[in-house]
């Protein structure tokens, strides 16, 4: 679908100049992302927050309805590998625009590090 997963990194593990930024996203880790959330905890776990959904018809909505969240799940992932996540600041059409990309390395479900990862 081309969607992404929201990422909530621990503020204290981000470079100081990026603390307080929001709207981090990734297309890594989750095979078919649908706007769920991945939380990297202070102790280095990766928690996947997702919802069961059901279609609710009606109204003046563009597609004749929408997905309604029904049940929340929180799964601790045993992820092994790198997750690239990103956000931006400024106006995309302005001189102040900055794309920021980070990489988090997980080994057997535990965070090893988070580093800035230059855009290629």
Protein backbone atom coordinates (compact mmCIF):
# COMPACT_ATOMS: atom_id res chain seq x y z
CA UNK A 1 0.00 0.00 0.00
CA UNK A 2 2.95 2.31 0.40
CA UNK A 3 2.07 3.32 3.96
CA UNK A 4 4.49 3.52 6.86
CA UNK A 5 4.80 2.76 10.57
CA UNK A 6 5.11 5.55 13.14
CA UNK A 7 8.24 5.38 15.32
CA UNK A 8 8.58 6.70 18.86
CA UNK A 9 12.28 6.68 19.80
CA UNK A 10 13.56 7.40 23.32
CA UNK A 11 14.46 11.09 23.47
CA UNK A 12 17.64 10.53 25.48
CA UNK A 13 19.13 8.27 22.78
CA UNK A 14 18.68 10.78 19.96
CA UNK A 15 21.31 13.39 19.16
CA UNK A 16 20.53 16.49 21.23
CA UNK A 17 19.53 18.61 18.22
CA UNK A 18 16.78 16.10 17.31
CA UNK A 19 15.21 15.70 20.74
CA UNK A 20 11.65 16.92 20.73
CA UNK A 21 11.08 16.11 17.06
CA UNK A 22 8.01 14.05 16.27
CA UNK A 23 6.44 12.31 13.29
CA UNK A 24 9.24 9.74 12.91
CA UNK A 25 8.36 7.06 10.33
CA UNK A 26 9.77 3.82 8.93
CA UNK A 27 9.00 1.31 6.23
CA UNK A 28 11.31 -1.25 7.87
CA UNK A 29 10.42 -4.05 10.34
CA UNK A 30 6.68 -4.43 9.56
CA UNK A 31 5.99 -6.27 6.29
CA UNK A 32 2.73 -4.52 5.42
CA UNK A 33 2.71 -1.22 7.33
CA UNK A 34 -0.67 0.37 7.97
CA UNK A 35 0.04 3.39 10.21
CA UNK A 36 0.78 1.34 13.32
CA UNK A 37 3.38 2.38 15.90
CA UNK A 38 6.79 1.03 16.91
CA UNK A 39 8.05 2.25 20.29
CA UNK A 40 11.71 1.91 21.22
CA UNK A 41 11.70 1.83 25.02
CA UNK A 42 14.30 3.36 27.33
CA UNK A 43 15.55 -0.16 28.10
CA UNK A 44 15.93 -0.99 24.40
CA UNK A 45 12.89 -3.13 23.62
CA UNK A 46 10.93 -2.70 20.40
CA UNK A 47 7.18 -2.70 21.01
CA UNK A 48 4.73 -2.98 18.13
CA UNK A 49 1.36 -1.32 18.82
CA UNK A 50 -1.36 -2.30 16.41
CA UNK A 51 -5.14 -2.47 16.31
CA UNK A 52 -7.68 -4.89 15.02
CA UNK A 53 -9.91 -2.97 12.65
CA UNK A 54 -13.35 -3.30 11.15
CA UNK A 55 -14.92 -1.44 8.26
CA UNK A 56 -17.59 1.04 9.24
CA UNK A 57 -19.81 2.16 6.38
CA UNK A 58 -21.79 5.33 6.00
CA UNK A 59 -21.54 9.04 6.11
CA UNK A 60 -20.17 11.46 3.60
CA UNK A 61 -16.70 9.92 3.62
CA UNK A 62 -14.72 9.64 0.39
CA UNK A 63 -14.76 5.84 0.28
CA UNK A 64 -18.19 5.39 1.84
CA UNK A 65 -16.76 4.53 5.25
CA UNK A 66 -13.58 4.05 7.23
CA UNK A 67 -11.66 1.54 9.33
CA UNK A 68 -12.61 1.69 12.99
CA UNK A 69 -10.03 0.56 15.58
CA UNK A 70 -11.47 -2.12 17.84
CA UNK A 71 -8.83 -3.94 19.93
CA UNK A 72 -5.32 -2.67 20.76
CA UNK A 73 -2.37 -5.07 20.84
CA UNK A 74 1.16 -4.47 22.18
CA UNK A 75 3.73 -7.02 21.08
CA UNK A 76 7.38 -7.05 22.15
CA UNK A 77 9.33 -7.84 18.98
CA UNK A 78 12.42 -10.01 18.85
CA UNK A 79 13.75 -7.98 15.94
CA UNK A 80 17.28 -8.60 14.69
CA UNK A 81 18.65 -6.08 12.22
CA UNK A 82 18.68 -2.40 11.33
CA UNK A 83 15.68 -0.10 11.27
CA UNK A 84 16.00 3.19 9.41
CA UNK A 85 13.54 5.87 10.52
CA UNK A 86 13.12 9.45 9.45
CA UNK A 87 11.36 12.77 9.90
CA UNK A 88 11.83 16.29 8.60
CA UNK A 89 11.79 19.89 9.74
CA UNK A 90 10.96 23.12 7.99
CA UNK A 91 8.98 23.77 4.83
CA UNK A 92 9.60 21.21 2.07
CA UNK A 93 9.55 24.06 -0.45
CA UNK A 94 11.66 26.43 1.64
CA UNK A 95 15.32 26.97 2.43
CA UNK A 96 14.85 25.68 5.98
CA UNK A 97 13.81 22.13 4.99
CA UNK A 98 15.86 19.32 6.51
CA UNK A 99 15.33 15.58 6.07
CA UNK A 100 16.63 13.66 9.11
CA UNK A 101 17.32 9.95 8.99
CA UNK A 102 18.41 7.70 11.85
CA UNK A 103 19.39 4.05 12.04
CA UNK A 104 18.68 1.82 15.05
CA UNK A 105 20.46 -1.53 15.36
CA UNK A 106 18.75 -4.36 17.21
CA UNK A 107 20.37 -7.64 18.19
CA UNK A 108 18.06 -10.42 19.33
CA UNK A 109 15.35 -7.93 20.25
CA UNK A 110 17.61 -5.50 22.10
CA UNK A 111 18.64 -2.04 20.93
CA UNK A 112 22.41 -1.75 20.42
CA UNK A 113 22.54 1.88 19.26
CA UNK A 114 20.85 4.72 17.38
CA UNK A 115 22.94 6.84 15.02
CA UNK A 116 22.31 9.50 12.44
CA UNK A 117 22.22 7.90 9.01
CA UNK A 118 22.91 10.28 6.11
CA UNK A 119 20.44 10.18 3.23
CA UNK A 120 21.87 8.49 0.18
